[in-house]
C-alpha atoms as a PDB file:
ATOM      1  CA  UNK A   1       4.323  31.190 -20.080  1.00  0.00           C
ATOM      2  CA  UNK A   2       1.556  29.533 -18.083  1.00  0.00           C
ATOM      3  CA  UNK A   3      -1.802  31.040 -17.142  1.00  0.00           C
ATOM      4  CA  UNK A   4      -0.580  31.371 -13.545  1.00  0.00           C
ATOM      5  CA  UNK A   5       2.534  33.294 -14.750  1.00  0.00           C
ATOM      6  CA  UNK A   6       0.358  35.619 -16.762  1.00  0.00           C
ATOM      7  CA  UNK A   7      -2.017  36.231 -13.890  1.00  0.00           C
ATOM      8  CA  UNK A   8       0.906  36.950 -11.510  1.00  0.00           C
ATOM      9  CA  UNK A   9       2.341  39.408 -14.060  1.00  0.00           C
ATOM     10  CA  UNK A  10      -0.952  41.243 -14.383  1.00  0.00           C
ATOM     11  CA  UNK A  11      -1.326  41.424 -10.597  1.00  0.00           C
ATOM     12  CA  UNK A  12       2.211  42.900 -10.227  1.00  0.00           C
ATOM     13  CA  UNK A  13       1.489  45.530 -12.884  1.00  0.00           C
ATOM     14  CA  UNK A  14      -1.783  46.431 -11.139  1.00  0.00           C
ATOM     15  CA  UNK A  15       0.156  46.814  -7.922  1.00  0.00           C
ATOM     16  CA  UNK A  16       2.692  49.141  -9.524  1.00  0.00           C
ATOM     17  CA  UNK A  17      -0.192  51.222 -10.942  1.00  0.00           C
ATOM     18  CA  UNK A  18      -1.638  51.574  -7.487  1.00  0.00           C
ATOM     19  CA  UNK A  19      -3.345  54.941  -7.979  1.00  0.00           C
ATOM     20  CA  UNK A  20      -5.825  55.500  -5.154  1.00  0.00           C
ATOM     21  CA  UNK A  21      -8.204  58.463  -4.932  1.00  0.00           C
ATOM     22  CA  UNK A  22      -6.622  59.185  -1.498  1.00  0.00           C
ATOM     23  CA  UNK A  23      -3.634  57.636   0.249  1.00  0.00           C
ATOM     24  CA  UNK A  24      -1.700  55.168  -1.864  1.00  0.00           C
ATOM     25  CA  UNK A  25      -2.276  51.686  -0.514  1.00  0.00           C
ATOM     26  CA  UNK A  26       1.434  50.848  -0.522  1.00  0.00           C
ATOM     27  CA  UNK A  27       2.059  53.572   2.100  1.00  0.00           C
ATOM     28  CA  UNK A  28      -0.266  51.732   4.489  1.00  0.00           C
ATOM     29  CA  UNK A  29       1.612  48.400   4.530  1.00  0.00           C
ATOM     30  CA  UNK A  30       2.816  47.606   8.053  1.00  0.00           C
ATOM     31  CA  UNK A  31       1.968  51.153   9.132  1.00  0.00           C
ATOM     32  CA  UNK A  32       0.723  49.809  12.475  1.00  0.00           C
ATOM     33  CA  UNK A  33       3.366  47.129  12.906  1.00  0.00           C
ATOM     34  CA  UNK A  34       3.555  45.790  16.424  1.00  0.00           C
ATOM     35  CA  UNK A  35       0.283  47.415  17.529  1.00  0.00           C
ATOM     36  CA  UNK A  36      -3.032  45.845  18.504  1.00  0.00           C
ATOM     37  CA  UNK A  37      -6.559  46.453  17.303  1.00  0.00           C
ATOM     38  CA  UNK A  38     -10.063  45.460  18.420  1.00  0.00           C
ATOM     39  CA  UNK A  39     -12.160  44.094  15.547  1.00  0.00           C
ATOM     40  CA  UNK A  40     -15.793  44.809  16.435  1.00  0.00           C
ATOM     41  CA  UNK A  41     -18.552  42.838  14.769  1.00  0.00           C
ATOM     42  CA  UNK A  42     -22.260  43.585  15.047  1.00  0.00           C
ATOM     43  CA  UNK A  43     -23.668  40.648  16.967  1.00  0.00           C
ATOM     44  CA  UNK A  44     -26.014  41.049  19.972  1.00  0.00           C
ATOM     45  CA  UNK A  45     -23.352  39.851  22.428  1.00  0.00           C
ATOM     46  CA  UNK A  46     -21.709  43.275  22.129  1.00  0.00           C
ATOM     47  CA  UNK A  47     -24.443  44.589  24.393  1.00  0.00           C
ATOM     48  CA  UNK A  48     -22.891  42.471  27.173  1.00  0.00           C
ATOM     49  CA  UNK A  49     -19.490  44.247  26.839  1.00  0.00           C
ATOM     50  CA  UNK A  50     -18.436  47.739  28.034  1.00  0.00           C
ATOM     51  CA  UNK A  51     -17.695  49.128  24.584  1.00  0.00           C
ATOM     52  CA  UNK A  52     -17.157  52.586  26.070  1.00  0.00           C
ATOM     53  CA  UNK A  53     -13.876  51.228  27.401  1.00  0.00           C
ATOM     54  CA  UNK A  54     -12.427  51.276  23.874  1.00  0.00           C
ATOM     55  CA  UNK A  55     -13.069  54.972  23.417  1.00  0.00           C
ATOM     56  CA  UNK A  56     -12.183  55.976  26.959  1.00  0.00           C
ATOM     57  CA  UNK A  57      -8.828  54.234  26.736  1.00  0.00           C
ATOM     58  CA  UNK A  58      -8.335  55.553  23.196  1.00  0.00           C
ATOM     59  CA  UNK A  59      -7.623  52.035  21.931  1.00  0.00           C
ATOM     60  CA  UNK A  60      -7.614  51.438  18.168  1.00  0.00           C
ATOM     61  CA  UNK A  61     -10.666  49.520  16.912  1.00  0.00           C
ATOM     62  CA  UNK A  62     -12.439  48.693  13.695  1.00  0.00           C
ATOM     63  CA  UNK A  63     -16.172  49.066  13.270  1.00  0.00           C
ATOM     64  CA  UNK A  64     -17.735  47.171  10.358  1.00  0.00           C
ATOM     65  CA  UNK A  65     -20.768  47.962   8.273  1.00  0.00           C
ATOM     66  CA  UNK A  66     -23.541  49.613  10.353  1.00  0.00           C
ATOM     67  CA  UNK A  67     -21.733  48.865  13.564  1.00  0.00           C
ATOM     68  CA  UNK A  68     -20.594  52.470  13.572  1.00  0.00           C
ATOM     69  CA  UNK A  69     -24.037  53.258  15.026  1.00  0.00           C
ATOM     70  CA  UNK A  70     -22.763  51.809  18.306  1.00  0.00           C
ATOM     71  CA  UNK A  71     -20.102  54.582  18.448  1.00  0.00           C
ATOM     72  CA  UNK A  72     -22.184  57.643  17.520  1.00  0.00           C
ATOM     73  CA  UNK A  73     -20.513  60.755  18.915  1.00  0.00           C
ATOM     74  CA  UNK A  74     -17.254  58.939  19.628  1.00  0.00           C
ATOM     75  CA  UNK A  75     -14.085  58.687  17.441  1.00  0.00           C
ATOM     76  CA  UNK A  76     -14.089  55.648  15.242  1.00  0.00           C
ATOM     77  CA  UNK A  77     -10.473  54.930  14.166  1.00  0.00           C
ATOM     78  CA  UNK A  78     -11.288  52.508  11.310  1.00  0.00           C
ATOM     79  CA  UNK A  79     -14.511  51.680   9.422  1.00  0.00           C
ATOM     80  CA  UNK A  80     -14.592  48.690   7.029  1.00  0.00           C
ATOM     81  CA  UNK A  81     -17.459  47.698   4.710  1.00  0.00           C
ATOM     82  CA  UNK A  82     -17.526  44.910   2.127  1.00  0.00           C
ATOM     83  CA  UNK A  83     -21.235  44.736   1.292  1.00  0.00           C
ATOM     84  CA  UNK A  84     -22.515  46.852  -1.633  1.00  0.00           C
ATOM     85  CA  UNK A  85     -26.061  47.079  -0.249  1.00  0.00           C
ATOM     86  CA  UNK A  86     -24.834  48.305   3.148  1.00  0.00           C
ATOM     87  CA  UNK A  87     -22.664  50.899   1.481  1.00  0.00           C
ATOM     88  CA  UNK A  88     -25.224  52.180  -1.027  1.00  0.00           C
ATOM     89  CA  UNK A  89     -28.026  52.408   1.533  1.00  0.00           C
ATOM     90  CA  UNK A  90     -25.996  54.154   4.222  1.00  0.00           C
ATOM     91  CA  UNK A  91     -22.817  55.886   3.048  1.00  0.00           C
ATOM     92  CA  UNK A  92     -24.396  59.359   2.635  1.00  0.00           C
ATOM     93  CA  UNK A  93     -24.820  59.529   6.429  1.00  0.00           C
ATOM     94  CA  UNK A  94     -21.290  58.497   7.345  1.00  0.00           C
ATOM     95  CA  UNK A  95     -19.886  62.011   7.412  1.00  0.00           C
ATOM     96  CA  UNK A  96     -22.054  62.407  10.576  1.00  0.00           C
ATOM     97  CA  UNK A  97     -19.657  60.015  12.339  1.00  0.00           C
ATOM     98  CA  UNK A  98     -16.103  60.704  13.522  1.00  0.00           C
ATOM     99  CA  UNK A  99     -14.474  58.146  11.225  1.00  0.00           C
ATOM    100  CA  UNK A 100     -10.672  58.289  11.014  1.00  0.00           C
ATOM    101  CA  UNK A 101     -10.097  55.984   8.019  1.00  0.00           C
ATOM    102  CA  UNK A 102     -12.609  54.038   5.920  1.00  0.00           C
ATOM    103  CA  UNK A 103     -11.780  50.936   3.891  1.00  0.00           C
ATOM    104  CA  UNK A 104     -14.287  50.098   1.216  1.00  0.00           C
ATOM    105  CA  UNK A 105     -14.366  47.978  -1.917  1.00  0.00           C
ATOM    106  CA  UNK A 106     -13.233  49.881  -4.995  1.00  0.00           C
ATOM    107  CA  UNK A 107     -16.110  48.307  -6.990  1.00  0.00           C
ATOM    108  CA  UNK A 108     -18.571  50.414  -4.925  1.00  0.00           C
ATOM    109  CA  UNK A 109     -17.453  53.420  -6.979  1.00  0.00           C
ATOM    110  CA  UNK A 110     -18.959  51.973 -10.139  1.00  0.00           C
ATOM    111  CA  UNK A 111     -22.454  52.285  -8.673  1.00  0.00           C
ATOM    112  CA  UNK A 112     -21.729  55.296  -6.509  1.00  0.00           C
ATOM    113  CA  UNK A 113     -19.074  57.352  -8.355  1.00  0.00           C
ATOM    114  CA  UNK A 114     -19.614  60.463  -6.236  1.00  0.00           C
ATOM    115  CA  UNK A 115     -18.838  58.591  -2.980  1.00  0.00           C
ATOM    116  CA  UNK A 116     -15.132  59.442  -3.125  1.00  0.00           C
ATOM    117  CA  UNK A 117     -15.831  63.159  -2.993  1.00  0.00           C
ATOM    118  CA  UNK A 118     -18.952  62.888  -0.865  1.00  0.00           C
ATOM    119  CA  UNK A 119     -17.089  61.159   1.975  1.00  0.00           C
ATOM    120  CA  UNK A 120     -14.765  63.802   3.416  1.00  0.00           C
ATOM    121  CA  UNK A 121     -12.614  61.669   5.699  1.00  0.00           C
ATOM    122  CA  UNK A 122      -9.605  59.534   4.768  1.00  0.00           C
ATOM    123  CA  UNK A 123     -10.500  56.433   2.803  1.00  0.00           C
ATOM    124  CA  UNK A 124      -8.909  53.594   0.855  1.00  0.00           C
ATOM    125  CA  UNK A 125     -10.689  51.723  -1.932  1.00  0.00           C
ATOM    126  CA  UNK A 126      -9.758  48.090  -1.790  1.00  0.00           C
ATOM    127  CA  UNK A 127      -9.569  46.138  -5.116  1.00  0.00           C
ATOM    128  CA  UNK A 128     -11.530  42.949  -5.600  1.00  0.00           C
ATOM    129  CA  UNK A 129      -9.787  39.618  -6.134  1.00  0.00           C
ATOM    130  CA  UNK A 130     -11.695  36.576  -7.293  1.00  0.00           C
ATOM    131  CA  UNK A 131     -12.047  33.845  -4.703  1.00  0.00           C
ATOM    132  CA  UNK A 132     -12.253  34.102  -0.934  1.00  0.00           C
ATOM    133  CA  UNK A 133     -10.196  32.578   1.873  1.00  0.00           C
ATOM    134  CA  UNK A 134     -11.604  29.066   1.548  1.00  0.00           C
ATOM    135  CA  UNK A 135     -11.223  29.014  -2.217  1.00  0.00           C
ATOM    136  CA  UNK A 136      -8.038  30.984  -2.978  1.00  0.00           C
ATOM    137  CA  UNK A 137      -6.509  31.300   0.472  1.00  0.00           C
ATOM    138  CA  UNK A 138      -5.498  34.134   2.770  1.00  0.00           C
ATOM    139  CA  UNK A 139      -4.776  37.424   1.043  1.00  0.00           C
ATOM    140  CA  UNK A 140      -1.931  39.186   2.758  1.00  0.00           C
ATOM    141  CA  UNK A 141      -1.452  41.984   0.159  1.00  0.00           C
ATOM    142  CA  UNK A 142      -4.369  44.334   0.027  1.00  0.00           C
ATOM    143  CA  UNK A 143      -2.984  45.961  -3.125  1.00  0.00           C
ATOM    144  CA  UNK A 144      -3.767  42.803  -5.069  1.00  0.00           C
ATOM    145  CA  UNK A 145      -7.330  42.731  -3.830  1.00  0.00           C
ATOM    146  CA  UNK A 146      -9.417  40.759  -1.377  1.00  0.00           C
ATOM    147  CA  UNK A 147     -12.140  38.339  -2.359  1.00  0.00           C
ATOM    148  CA  UNK A 148     -15.637  37.742  -1.041  1.00  0.00           C
ATOM    149  CA  UNK A 149     -15.920  35.809   2.228  1.00  0.00           C
ATOM    150  CA  UNK A 150     -18.844  34.808   4.411  1.00  0.00           C
ATOM    151  CA  UNK A 151     -18.291  37.710   6.854  1.00  0.00           C
ATOM    152  CA  UNK A 152     -17.084  41.282   6.659  1.00  0.00           C
ATOM    153  CA  UNK A 153     -14.880  40.371   9.621  1.00  0.00           C
ATOM    154  CA  UNK A 154     -12.844  38.013   7.408  1.00  0.00           C
ATOM    155  CA  UNK A 155     -12.410  40.894   4.928  1.00  0.00           C
ATOM    156  CA  UNK A 156     -11.461  43.220   7.781  1.00  0.00           C
ATOM    157  CA  UNK A 157      -8.952  40.803   9.348  1.00  0.00           C
ATOM    158  CA  UNK A 158      -7.021  40.590   6.088  1.00  0.00           C
ATOM    159  CA  UNK A 159      -6.882  44.400   5.881  1.00  0.00           C
ATOM    160  CA  UNK A 160      -5.651  44.532   9.515  1.00  0.00           C
ATOM    161  CA  UNK A 161      -2.911  42.019   8.578  1.00  0.00           C
ATOM    162  CA  UNK A 162      -1.785  44.244   5.695  1.00  0.00           C
ATOM    163  CA  UNK A 163      -1.746  47.265   8.032  1.00  0.00           C
ATOM    164  CA  UNK A 164       0.685  45.326  10.172  1.00  0.00           C
ATOM    165  CA  UNK A 165      -1.279  44.843  13.380  1.00  0.00           C
ATOM    166  CA  UNK A 166       0.434  42.380  15.660  1.00  0.00           C
ATOM    167  CA  UNK A 167      -2.696  41.321  17.590  1.00  0.00           C
ATOM    168  CA  UNK A 168      -6.395  41.338  16.702  1.00  0.00           C
ATOM    169  CA  UNK A 169      -9.037  41.049  19.417  1.00  0.00           C
ATOM    170  CA  UNK A 170     -12.370  39.970  17.887  1.00  0.00           C
ATOM    171  CA  UNK A 171     -15.612  40.830  19.603  1.00  0.00           C
ATOM    172  CA  UNK A 172     -19.209  40.637  18.445  1.00  0.00           C
ATOM    173  CA  UNK A 173     -18.798  37.645  16.180  1.00  0.00           C
ATOM    174  CA  UNK A 174     -21.415  35.236  17.526  1.00  0.00           C
ATOM    175  CA  UNK A 175     -21.916  33.097  14.393  1.00  0.00           C
ATOM    176  CA  UNK A 176     -25.574  32.710  15.346  1.00  0.00           C
ATOM    177  CA  UNK A 177     -28.374  34.378  13.473  1.00  0.00           C
ATOM    178  CA  UNK A 178     -31.875  34.707  14.805  1.00  0.00           C
ATOM    179  CA  UNK A 179     -34.574  36.716  13.058  1.00  0.00           C
ATOM    180  CA  UNK A 180     -35.494  39.723  15.148  1.00  0.00           C
ATOM    181  CA  UNK A 181     -32.242  39.633  17.132  1.00  0.00           C
ATOM    182  CA  UNK A 182     -29.690  40.107  14.415  1.00  0.00           C
ATOM    183  CA  UNK A 183     -27.521  42.981  15.574  1.00  0.00           C
ATOM    184  CA  UNK A 184     -26.342  44.859  18.671  1.00  0.00           C
ATOM    185  CA  UNK A 185     -27.592  48.134  17.261  1.00  0.00           C
ATOM    186  CA  UNK A 186     -31.226  49.187  16.800  1.00  0.00           C
ATOM    187  CA  UNK A 187     -32.435  48.401  13.293  1.00  0.00           C
ATOM    188  CA  UNK A 188     -34.387  50.876  11.153  1.00  0.00           C
ATOM    189  CA  UNK A 189     -37.351  50.018   9.009  1.00  0.00           C
ATOM    190  CA  UNK A 190     -35.043  50.307   5.992  1.00  0.00           C
ATOM    191  CA  UNK A 191     -32.682  47.788   7.588  1.00  0.00           C
ATOM    192  CA  UNK A 192     -35.538  45.322   8.148  1.00  0.00           C
ATOM    193  CA  UNK A 193     -36.695  45.673   4.538  1.00  0.00           C
ATOM    194  CA  UNK A 194     -33.228  44.796   3.314  1.00  0.00           C
ATOM    195  CA  UNK A 195     -32.992  41.891   5.696  1.00  0.00           C
ATOM    196  CA  UNK A 196     -36.172  40.473   4.205  1.00  0.00           C
ATOM    197  CA  UNK A 197     -34.704  40.390   0.676  1.00  0.00           C
ATOM    198  CA  UNK A 198     -34.051  36.873  -0.672  1.00  0.00           C
ATOM    199  CA  UNK A 199     -30.483  37.897  -1.652  1.00  0.00           C
ATOM    200  CA  UNK A 200     -29.754  39.020   1.917  1.00  0.00           C
ATOM    201  CA  UNK A 201     -31.097  35.761   3.279  1.00  0.00           C
ATOM    202  CA  UNK A 202     -28.834  33.858   0.936  1.00  0.00           C
ATOM    203  CA  UNK A 203     -25.831  35.725   2.283  1.00  0.00           C
ATOM    204  CA  UNK A 204     -26.746  34.706   5.806  1.00  0.00           C
ATOM    205  CA  UNK A 205     -26.606  31.058   4.809  1.00  0.00           C
ATOM    206  CA  UNK A 206     -22.835  31.385   4.355  1.00  0.00           C
ATOM    207  CA  UNK A 207     -22.314  32.130   8.035  1.00  0.00           C
ATOM    208  CA  UNK A 208     -21.491  28.490   8.567  1.00  0.00           C
ATOM    209  CA  UNK A 209     -18.209  29.062   6.723  1.00  0.00           C
ATOM    210  CA  UNK A 210     -16.966  31.878   8.938  1.00  0.00           C
ATOM    211  CA  UNK A 211     -15.463  29.648  11.608  1.00  0.00           C
ATOM    212  CA  UNK A 212     -13.412  27.846   8.978  1.00  0.00           C
ATOM    213  CA  UNK A 213     -12.215  31.151   7.546  1.00  0.00           C
ATOM    214  CA  UNK A 214     -11.024  32.193  10.989  1.00  0.00           C
ATOM    215  CA  UNK A 215      -9.217  28.931  11.318  1.00  0.00           C
ATOM    216  CA  UNK A 216      -7.147  29.865   8.218  1.00  0.00           C
ATOM    217  CA  UNK A 217      -6.678  33.374   9.551  1.00  0.00           C
ATOM    218  CA  UNK A 218      -5.364  32.001  12.852  1.00  0.00           C
ATOM    219  CA  UNK A 219      -2.899  29.721  10.953  1.00  0.00           C
ATOM    220  CA  UNK A 220      -1.516  32.641   8.949  1.00  0.00           C
ATOM    221  CA  UNK A 221      -1.281  35.005  11.915  1.00  0.00           C
ATOM    222  CA  UNK A 222       0.505  32.360  13.992  1.00  0.00           C
ATOM    223  CA  UNK A 223       2.887  31.561  11.166  1.00  0.00           C
ATOM    224  CA  UNK A 224       3.880  35.266  11.106  1.00  0.00           C
ATOM    225  CA  UNK A 225       4.301  35.409  14.876  1.00  0.00           C
ATOM    226  CA  UNK A 226       1.090  37.357  15.308  1.00  0.00           C
ATOM    227  CA  UNK A 227      -2.056  36.659  17.313  1.00  0.00           C
ATOM    228  CA  UNK A 228      -5.842  36.743  16.860  1.00  0.00           C
ATOM    229  CA  UNK A 229      -8.186  36.093  19.780  1.00  0.00           C
ATOM    230  CA  UNK A 230     -11.957  35.761  20.254  1.00  0.00           C
ATOM    231  CA  UNK A 231     -12.690  38.144  23.132  1.00  0.00           C
ATOM    232  CA  UNK A 232     -16.451  37.963  22.767  1.00  0.00           C
ATOM    233  CA  UNK A 233     -19.016  36.321  25.062  1.00  0.00           C
ATOM    234  CA  UNK A 234     -20.565  32.974  24.028  1.00  0.00           C
ATOM    235  CA  UNK A 235     -21.232  32.321  20.397  1.00  0.00           C
ATOM    236  CA  UNK A 236     -19.856  29.731  17.987  1.00  0.00           C
ATOM    237  CA  UNK A 237     -16.525  31.264  16.896  1.00  0.00           C
ATOM    238  CA  UNK A 238     -14.254  28.496  18.064  1.00  0.00           C
ATOM    239  CA  UNK A 239     -11.416  28.418  15.475  1.00  0.00           C
ATOM    240  CA  UNK A 240      -9.358  30.975  17.301  1.00  0.00           C
ATOM    241  CA  UNK A 241      -8.351  30.959  20.970  1.00  0.00           C
ATOM    242  CA  UNK A 242     -10.520  32.760  23.480  1.00  0.00           C
ATOM    243  CA  UNK A 243      -9.350  35.543  25.749  1.00  0.00           C
ATOM    244  CA  UNK A 244     -11.595  37.500  28.145  1.00  0.00           C
ATOM    245  CA  UNK A 245     -12.371  41.076  26.928  1.00  0.00           C
ATOM    246  CA  UNK A 246     -11.289  42.412  30.306  1.00  0.00           C
ATOM    247  CA  UNK A 247      -7.877  40.721  29.937  1.00  0.00           C
ATOM    248  CA  UNK A 248      -7.417  42.159  26.460  1.00  0.00           C
ATOM    249  CA  UNK A 249      -8.229  45.652  27.801  1.00  0.00           C
ATOM    250  CA  UNK A 250      -5.755  45.190  30.692  1.00  0.00           C
ATOM    251  CA  UNK A 251      -3.024  43.963  28.360  1.00  0.00           C
ATOM    252  CA  UNK A 252      -3.362  46.996  26.101  1.00  0.00           C
ATOM    253  CA  UNK A 253      -3.458  49.458  28.952  1.00  0.00           C
ATOM    254  CA  UNK A 254      -0.185  48.017  30.235  1.00  0.00           C
ATOM    255  CA  UNK A 255       1.479  48.651  26.917  1.00  0.00           C
ATOM    256  CA  UNK A 256       0.201  52.206  26.430  1.00  0.00           C
END
């Protein structure tokens, strides 16, 4: 038996032992088959879009990391976080938001074991798998884990694929990063302190890989007869086809 055979066997056993603190991950596979979702980043270009339209039309969307601040007081169908610092620094305030379902890395529980009980809404803890999209390839099965990529949006897109979404509309992924103008939401002093850390700066250097990751995402979505669009304004995300945000909204309203 080769190393690859052993690794595959271990992964299959882990999948069978899929014991989540809340909903079993296997019950989520293709749960939203045929539906569409807006994947909302955190880039400044979001301030040029009418984000209220998502809530008013009751369209499903994903907020990532601290992007939930843009939807304070409004229902947030999905919240996805892949960064341990973002989670540890902020999760105690997340019950103040109307989050429907949170997806967080299972490894967060090692540093914050009370988080599972502290967070009172539905949540799924996603296993870690060594190697990201560019190294190991697209990860279609969330039960086997998802690796580290250059952007939480890459992590989120793979989760959306597992959930069965037919179409993903990406907004707020500018792939530009300018000190002092990092995010669409207002940053706190605590945020700025974290941004100044050398480790955080090193993470930002990987932003150059995000476009290539989305190229692979596009290939996989297309191969499965699904779609992924960049519906943002400007920016450097060019690996997926562009579609005006207004057109995406109109398309979804037609199908409601």
